[in-house]
Amino acid sequence: ISAHRLAGSVAREGALGTIASIDLRHHHADLVDA
């Protein structure tokens, strides 16, 4: 739910944005296929 787009957008505004580490493979089609 909080991956690079959300965390990076928050940080760009000057705040602390957080990526949740667990099971991020679901955002990457090649990793899902593997």
All heavy atoms as atom14 arrays in JSON, in Angstrom:
{
  "sequence": "ISAHRLAGSVAREGALGTIASIDLRHHHADLVDA",
  "atom14_mask": [
    [1, 1, 1, 1, 1, 1, 1, 1, 0, 0, 0, 0, 0, 0],
    [1, 1, 1, 1, 1, 1, 0, 0, 0, 0, 0, 0, 0, 0],
    [1, 1, 1, 1, 1, 0, 0, 0, 0, 0, 0, 0, 0, 0],
    [1, 1, 1, 1, 1, 1, 1, 1, 1, 1, 0, 0, 0, 0],
    [1, 1, 1, 1, 1, 1, 1, 1, 1, 1, 1, 0, 0, 0],
    [1, 1, 1, 1, 1, 1, 1, 1, 0, 0, 0, 0, 0, 0],
    [1, 1, 1, 1, 1, 0, 0, 0, 0, 0, 0, 0, 0, 0],
    [1, 1, 1, 1, 0, 0, 0, 0, 0, 0, 0, 0, 0, 0],
    [1, 1, 1, 1, 1, 1, 0, 0, 0, 0, 0, 0, 0, 0],
    [1, 1, 1, 1, 1, 1, 1, 0, 0, 0, 0, 0, 0, 0],
    [1, 1, 1, 1, 1, 0, 0, 0, 0, 0, 0, 0, 0, 0],
    [1, 1, 1, 1, 1, 1, 1, 1, 1, 1, 1, 0, 0, 0],
    [1, 1, 1, 1, 1, 1, 1, 1, 1, 0, 0, 0, 0, 0],
    [1, 1, 1, 1, 0, 0, 0, 0, 0, 0, 0, 0, 0, 0],
    [1, 1, 1, 1, 1, 0, 0, 0, 0, 0, 0, 0, 0, 0],
    [1, 1, 1, 1, 1, 1, 1, 1, 0, 0, 0, 0, 0, 0],
    [1, 1, 1, 1, 0, 0, 0, 0, 0, 0, 0, 0, 0, 0],
    [1, 1, 1, 1, 1, 1, 1, 0, 0, 0, 0, 0, 0, 0],
    [1, 1, 1, 1, 1, 1, 1, 1, 0, 0, 0, 0, 0, 0],
    [1, 1, 1, 1, 1, 0, 0, 0, 0, 0, 0, 0, 0, 0],
    [1, 1, 1, 1, 1, 1, 0, 0, 0, 0, 0, 0, 0, 0],
    [1, 1, 1, 1, 1, 1, 1, 1, 0, 0, 0, 0, 0, 0],
    [1, 1, 1, 1, 1, 1, 1, 1, 0, 0, 0, 0, 0, 0],
    [1, 1, 1, 1, 1, 1, 1, 1, 0, 0, 0, 0, 0, 0],
    [1, 1, 1, 1, 1, 1, 1, 1, 1, 1, 1, 0, 0, 0],
    [1, 1, 1, 1, 1, 1, 1, 1, 1, 1, 0, 0, 0, 0],
    [1, 1, 1, 1, 1, 1, 1, 1, 1, 1, 0, 0, 0, 0],
    [1, 1, 1, 1, 1, 1, 1, 1, 1, 1, 0, 0, 0, 0],
    [1, 1, 1, 1, 1, 0, 0, 0, 0, 0, 0, 0, 0, 0],
    [1, 1, 1, 1, 1, 1, 1, 1, 0, 0, 0, 0, 0, 0],
    [1, 1, 1, 1, 1, 1, 1, 1, 0, 0, 0, 0, 0, 0],
    [1, 1, 1, 1, 1, 1, 1, 0, 0, 0, 0, 0, 0, 0],
    [1, 1, 1, 1, 1, 1, 1, 1, 0, 0, 0, 0, 0, 0],
    [1, 1, 1, 1, 1, 0, 0, 0, 0, 0, 0, 0, 0, 0]
  ],
  "atom14_positions": [
    [[0.83, -1.21, 0.0], [0.0, 0.0, 0.0], [0.86, 1.26, 0.0], [0.54, 2.24, -0.66], [-0.95, 0.0, 1.23], [-1.75, -1.31, 1.29], [-1.87, 1.21, 1.19], [-2.51, -1.63, 0.02], [0.0, 0.0, 0.0], [0.0, 0.0, 0.0], [0.0, 0.0, 0.0], [0.0, 0.0, 0.0], [0.0, 0.0, 0.0], [0.0, 0.0, 0.0]],
    [[1.95, 1.23, 0.75], [2.9, 2.35, 0.69], [4.21, 1.84, 0.1], [5.04, 1.25, 0.79], [3.11, 2.97, 2.08], [3.63, 2.05, 3.0], [0.0, 0.0, 0.0], [0.0, 0.0, 0.0], [0.0, 0.0, 0.0], [0.0, 0.0, 0.0], [0.0, 0.0, 0.0], [0.0, 0.0, 0.0], [0.0, 0.0, 0.0], [0.0, 0.0, 0.0]],
    [[4.33, 2.05, -1.19], [5.54, 1.66, -1.92], [6.22, 2.94, -2.42], [6.08, 4.0, -1.81], [5.19, 0.7, -3.05], [0.0, 0.0, 0.0], [0.0, 0.0, 0.0], [0.0, 0.0, 0.0], [0.0, 0.0, 0.0], [0.0, 0.0, 0.0], [0.0, 0.0, 0.0], [0.0, 0.0, 0.0], [0.0, 0.0, 0.0], [0.0, 0.0, 0.0]],
    [[6.93, 2.86, -3.54], [7.79, 3.99, -3.91], [7.01, 5.24, -4.29], [7.45, 6.36, -4.01], [8.72, 3.59, -5.06], [8.11, 3.66, -6.43], [7.44, 2.6, -7.01], [8.05, 4.67, -7.33], [7.01, 2.95, -8.21], [7.35, 4.2, -8.42], [0.0, 0.0, 0.0], [0.0, 0.0, 0.0], [0.0, 0.0, 0.0], [0.0, 0.0, 0.0]],
    [[5.85, 5.09, -4.93], [5.14, 6.28, -5.41], [4.64, 7.13, -4.25], [4.79, 8.36, -4.26], [3.97, 5.87, -6.31], [3.31, 7.05, -6.99], [2.33, 6.61, -8.05], [1.21, 5.85, -7.49], [0.15, 5.48, -8.18], [0.08, 5.77, -9.49], [-0.83, 4.8, -7.62], [0.0, 0.0, 0.0], [0.0, 0.0, 0.0], [0.0, 0.0, 0.0]],
    [[4.05, 6.5, -3.25], [3.55, 7.25, -2.1], [4.71, 7.79, -1.27], [4.76, 8.99, -0.96], [2.65, 6.37, -1.23], [2.1, 7.02, 0.03], [1.34, 8.3, -0.3], [1.2, 6.05, 0.8], [0.0, 0.0, 0.0], [0.0, 0.0, 0.0], [0.0, 0.0, 0.0], [0.0, 0.0, 0.0], [0.0, 0.0, 0.0], [0.0, 0.0, 0.0]],
    [[5.65, 6.93, -0.89], [6.75, 7.38, -0.04], [7.58, 8.46, -0.72], [7.97, 9.46, -0.09], [7.64, 6.19, 0.33], [0.0, 0.0, 0.0], [0.0, 0.0, 0.0], [0.0, 0.0, 0.0], [0.0, 0.0, 0.0], [0.0, 0.0, 0.0], [0.0, 0.0, 0.0], [0.0, 0.0, 0.0], [0.0, 0.0, 0.0], [0.0, 0.0, 0.0]],
    [[7.86, 8.29, -2.01], [8.65, 9.29, -2.73], [7.93, 10.61, -2.86], [8.54, 11.68, -2.77], [0.0, 0.0, 0.0], [0.0, 0.0, 0.0], [0.0, 0.0, 0.0], [0.0, 0.0, 0.0], [0.0, 0.0, 0.0], [0.0, 0.0, 0.0], [0.0, 0.0, 0.0], [0.0, 0.0, 0.0], [0.0, 0.0, 0.0], [0.0, 0.0, 0.0]],
    [[6.6, 10.56, -3.06], [5.81, 11.79, -3.18], [5.78, 12.55, -1.87], [5.85, 13.79, -1.84], [4.39, 11.46, -3.64], [4.4, 10.85, -4.92], [0.0, 0.0, 0.0], [0.0, 0.0, 0.0], [0.0, 0.0, 0.0], [0.0, 0.0, 0.0], [0.0, 0.0, 0.0], [0.0, 0.0, 0.0], [0.0, 0.0, 0.0], [0.0, 0.0, 0.0]],
    [[5.64, 11.83, -0.76], [5.65, 12.47, 0.56], [7.01, 13.1, 0.83], [7.1, 14.26, 1.29], [5.3, 11.44, 1.65], [5.51, 12.04, 3.05], [3.86, 10.96, 1.5], [0.0, 0.0, 0.0], [0.0, 0.0, 0.0], [0.0, 0.0, 0.0], [0.0, 0.0, 0.0], [0.0, 0.0, 0.0], [0.0, 0.0, 0.0], [0.0, 0.0, 0.0]],
    [[8.08, 12.38, 0.55], [9.42, 12.92, 0.78], [9.68, 14.15, -0.09], [10.31, 15.11, 0.37], [10.46, 11.83, 0.5], [0.0, 0.0, 0.0], [0.0, 0.0, 0.0], [0.0, 0.0, 0.0], [0.0, 0.0, 0.0], [0.0, 0.0, 0.0], [0.0, 0.0, 0.0], [0.0, 0.0, 0.0], [0.0, 0.0, 0.0], [0.0, 0.0, 0.0]],
    [[9.18, 14.14, -1.31], [9.39, 15.28, -2.21], [8.79, 16.57, -1.64], [9.27, 17.67, -1.92], [8.79, 14.98, -3.58], [9.13, 16.02, -4.65], [8.66, 15.55, -6.01], [7.24, 15.23, -6.0], [6.64, 14.46, -6.9], [7.35, 13.91, -7.88], [5.34, 14.24, -6.83], [0.0, 0.0, 0.0], [0.0, 0.0, 0.0], [0.0, 0.0, 0.0]],
    [[7.75, 16.44, -0.82], [7.15, 17.62, -0.19], [7.92, 18.06, 1.06], [7.57, 19.07, 1.68], [5.7, 17.33, 0.18], [4.79, 17.01, -0.99], [4.61, 18.18, -1.94], [4.94, 19.33, -1.56], [4.16, 17.95, -3.08], [0.0, 0.0, 0.0], [0.0, 0.0, 0.0], [0.0, 0.0, 0.0], [0.0, 0.0, 0.0], [0.0, 0.0, 0.0]],
    [[8.95, 17.29, 1.44], [9.76, 17.67, 2.59], [9.4, 16.93, 3.87], [9.81, 17.35, 4.96], [0.0, 0.0, 0.0], [0.0, 0.0, 0.0], [0.0, 0.0, 0.0], [0.0, 0.0, 0.0], [0.0, 0.0, 0.0], [0.0, 0.0, 0.0], [0.0, 0.0, 0.0], [0.0, 0.0, 0.0], [0.0, 0.0, 0.0], [0.0, 0.0, 0.0]],
    [[8.68, 15.83, 3.75], [8.29, 15.04, 4.92], [8.97, 13.67, 4.88], [9.76, 13.38, 3.98], [6.77, 14.89, 4.97], [0.0, 0.0, 0.0], [0.0, 0.0, 0.0], [0.0, 0.0, 0.0], [0.0, 0.0, 0.0], [0.0, 0.0, 0.0], [0.0, 0.0, 0.0], [0.0, 0.0, 0.0], [0.0, 0.0, 0.0], [0.0, 0.0, 0.0]],
    [[8.66, 12.83, 5.87], [9.19, 11.47, 5.9], [8.16, 10.53, 5.29], [7.05, 10.38, 5.81], [9.52, 11.06, 7.34], [10.29, 9.74, 7.52], [11.13, 9.79, 8.8], [9.35, 8.55, 7.61], [0.0, 0.0, 0.0], [0.0, 0.0, 0.0], [0.0, 0.0, 0.0], [0.0, 0.0, 0.0], [0.0, 0.0, 0.0], [0.0, 0.0, 0.0]],
    [[8.52, 9.91, 4.17], [7.67, 8.93, 3.51], [8.18, 7.53, 3.79], [9.4, 7.31, 3.86], [0.0, 0.0, 0.0], [0.0, 0.0, 0.0], [0.0, 0.0, 0.0], [0.0, 0.0, 0.0], [0.0, 0.0, 0.0], [0.0, 0.0, 0.0], [0.0, 0.0, 0.0], [0.0, 0.0, 0.0], [0.0, 0.0, 0.0], [0.0, 0.0, 0.0]],
    [[7.27, 6.59, 3.95], [7.66, 5.25, 4.41], [7.2, 4.16, 3.45], [6.02, 4.08, 3.1], [7.06, 4.97, 5.8], [7.39, 6.03, 6.69], [7.59, 3.66, 6.36], [0.0, 0.0, 0.0], [0.0, 0.0, 0.0], [0.0, 0.0, 0.0], [0.0, 0.0, 0.0], [0.0, 0.0, 0.0], [0.0, 0.0, 0.0], [0.0, 0.0, 0.0]],
    [[8.13, 3.32, 3.03], [7.85, 2.12, 2.25], [7.64, 0.96, 3.22], [8.47, 0.73, 4.09], [9.02, 1.8, 1.3], [9.21, 2.92, 0.28], [8.8, 0.46, 0.6], [10.49, 2.78, -0.54], [0.0, 0.0, 0.0], [0.0, 0.0, 0.0], [0.0, 0.0, 0.0], [0.0, 0.0, 0.0], [0.0, 0.0, 0.0], [0.0, 0.0, 0.0]],
    [[6.53, 0.25, 3.09], [6.32, -0.98, 3.87], [7.05, -2.11, 3.17], [6.8, -2.4, 2.0], [4.83, -1.28, 4.0], [0.0, 0.0, 0.0], [0.0, 0.0, 0.0], [0.0, 0.0, 0.0], [0.0, 0.0, 0.0], [0.0, 0.0, 0.0], [0.0, 0.0, 0.0], [0.0, 0.0, 0.0], [0.0, 0.0, 0.0], [0.0, 0.0, 0.0]],
    [[7.96, -2.77, 3.88], [8.9, -3.69, 3.24], [8.27, -5.01, 2.79], [8.76, -5.64, 1.85], [10.05, -3.99, 4.19], [9.57, -4.58, 5.4], [0.0, 0.0, 0.0], [0.0, 0.0, 0.0], [0.0, 0.0, 0.0], [0.0, 0.0, 0.0], [0.0, 0.0, 0.0], [0.0, 0.0, 0.0], [0.0, 0.0, 0.0], [0.0, 0.0, 0.0]],
    [[7.2, -5.44, 3.42], [6.73, -6.8, 3.24], [6.08, -7.03, 1.87], [5.25, -6.25, 1.41], [5.73, -7.17, 4.38], [5.33, -8.63, 4.31], [4.53, -6.25, 4.37], [6.41, -9.58, 4.71], [0.0, 0.0, 0.0], [0.0, 0.0, 0.0], [0.0, 0.0, 0.0], [0.0, 0.0, 0.0], [0.0, 0.0, 0.0], [0.0, 0.0, 0.0]],
    [[6.52, -8.07, 1.18], [5.87, -8.62, -0.02], [5.67, -7.61, -1.15], [4.62, -7.58, -1.8], [4.52, -9.25, 0.35], [4.68, -10.51, 1.17], [5.84, -10.92, 1.4], [3.67, -11.08, 1.59], [0.0, 0.0, 0.0], [0.0, 0.0, 0.0], [0.0, 0.0, 0.0], [0.0, 0.0, 0.0], [0.0, 0.0, 0.0], [0.0, 0.0, 0.0]],
    [[6.69, -6.83, -1.41], [6.6, -5.83, -2.48], [6.68, -6.44, -3.87], [6.5, -5.75, -4.87], [7.7, -4.78, -2.3], [7.45, -3.79, -1.15], [8.75, -3.06, -0.79], [6.36, -2.8, -1.51], [0.0, 0.0, 0.0], [0.0, 0.0, 0.0], [0.0, 0.0, 0.0], [0.0, 0.0, 0.0], [0.0, 0.0, 0.0], [0.0, 0.0, 0.0]],
    [[6.93, -7.74, -3.95], [6.98, -8.39, -5.26], [5.7, -8.19, -6.04], [5.71, -8.24, -7.29], [7.25, -9.89, -5.1], [6.09, -10.68, -4.51], [6.45, -12.15, -4.29], [5.3, -12.94, -3.88], [4.83, -13.03, -2.65], [5.43, -12.34, -1.68], [3.78, -13.77, -2.35], [0.0, 0.0, 0.0], [0.0, 0.0, 0.0], [0.0, 0.0, 0.0]],
    [[4.58, -7.99, -5.37], [3.29, -7.86, -6.03], [3.23, -6.64, -6.96], [2.35, -6.56, -7.82], [2.16, -7.77, -5.01], [2.02, -9.02, -4.19], [1.55, -10.2, -4.71], [2.3, -9.26, -2.88], [1.53, -11.13, -3.76], [1.98, -10.59, -2.65], [0.0, 0.0, 0.0], [0.0, 0.0, 0.0], [0.0, 0.0, 0.0], [0.0, 0.0, 0.0]],
    [[4.18, -5.71, -6.82], [4.23, -4.53, -7.7], [5.09, -4.76, -8.94], [5.21, -3.84, -9.76], [4.79, -3.33, -6.93], [3.77, -2.65, -6.06], [2.6, -2.12, -6.55], [3.77, -2.41, -4.72], [1.91, -1.57, -5.56], [2.59, -1.75, -4.44], [0.0, 0.0, 0.0], [0.0, 0.0, 0.0], [0.0, 0.0, 0.0], [0.0, 0.0, 0.0]],
    [[5.68, -5.93, -9.09], [6.64, -6.16, -10.17], [6.26, -7.41, -10.94], [6.43, -8.54, -10.45], [8.06, -6.26, -9.6], [8.48, -5.02, -8.86], [9.18, -4.01, -9.46], [8.25, -4.62, -7.58], [9.38, -3.04, -8.58], [8.83, -3.39, -7.43], [0.0, 0.0, 0.0], [0.0, 0.0, 0.0], [0.0, 0.0, 0.0], [0.0, 0.0, 0.0]],
    [[5.77, -7.23, -12.16], [5.24, -8.34, -12.95], [6.28, -9.43, -13.19], [5.96, -10.63, -13.15], [4.7, -7.82, -14.28], [0.0, 0.0, 0.0], [0.0, 0.0, 0.0], [0.0, 0.0, 0.0], [0.0, 0.0, 0.0], [0.0, 0.0, 0.0], [0.0, 0.0, 0.0], [0.0, 0.0, 0.0], [0.0, 0.0, 0.0], [0.0, 0.0, 0.0]],
    [[7.54, -9.04, -13.43], [8.57, -10.06, -13.69], [8.82, -10.91, -12.45], [9.05, -12.13, -12.57], [9.86, -9.41, -14.18], [10.48, -8.47, -13.15], [9.72, -7.78, -12.44], [11.73, -8.42, -13.06], [0.0, 0.0, 0.0], [0.0, 0.0, 0.0], [0.0, 0.0, 0.0], [0.0, 0.0, 0.0], [0.0, 0.0, 0.0], [0.0, 0.0, 0.0]],
    [[8.76, -10.31, -11.28], [8.97, -11.07, -10.04], [7.77, -11.97, -9.74], [7.94, -13.1, -9.26], [9.23, -10.12, -8.88], [10.48, -9.23, -9.02], [10.61, -8.3, -7.82], [11.74, -10.08, -9.18], [0.0, 0.0, 0.0], [0.0, 0.0, 0.0], [0.0, 0.0, 0.0], [0.0, 0.0, 0.0], [0.0, 0.0, 0.0], [0.0, 0.0, 0.0]],
    [[6.57, -11.47, -10.02], [5.38, -12.3, -9.85], [5.45, -13.52, -10.77], [5.15, -14.65, -10.35], [4.1, -11.48, -10.13], [2.87, -12.39, -10.17], [3.92, -10.4, -9.07], [0.0, 0.0, 0.0], [0.0, 0.0, 0.0], [0.0, 0.0, 0.0], [0.0, 0.0, 0.0], [0.0, 0.0, 0.0], [0.0, 0.0, 0.0], [0.0, 0.0, 0.0]],
    [[5.87, -13.29, -12.02], [6.0, -14.41, -12.98], [7.04, -15.42, -12.49], [6.83, -16.65, -12.6], [6.38, -13.88, -14.36], [5.25, -13.13, -15.04], [4.09, -13.28, -14.6], [5.53, -12.39, -15.99], [0.0, 0.0, 0.0], [0.0, 0.0, 0.0], [0.0, 0.0, 0.0], [0.0, 0.0, 0.0], [0.0, 0.0, 0.0], [0.0, 0.0, 0.0]],
    [[8.16, -14.92, -11.98], [9.21, -15.82, -11.5], [8.72, -16.67, -10.33], [9.03, -17.86, -10.23], [10.44, -15.01, -11.09], [0.0, 0.0, 0.0], [0.0, 0.0, 0.0], [0.0, 0.0, 0.0], [0.0, 0.0, 0.0], [0.0, 0.0, 0.0], [0.0, 0.0, 0.0], [0.0, 0.0, 0.0], [0.0, 0.0, 0.0], [0.0, 0.0, 0.0]]
  ]
}
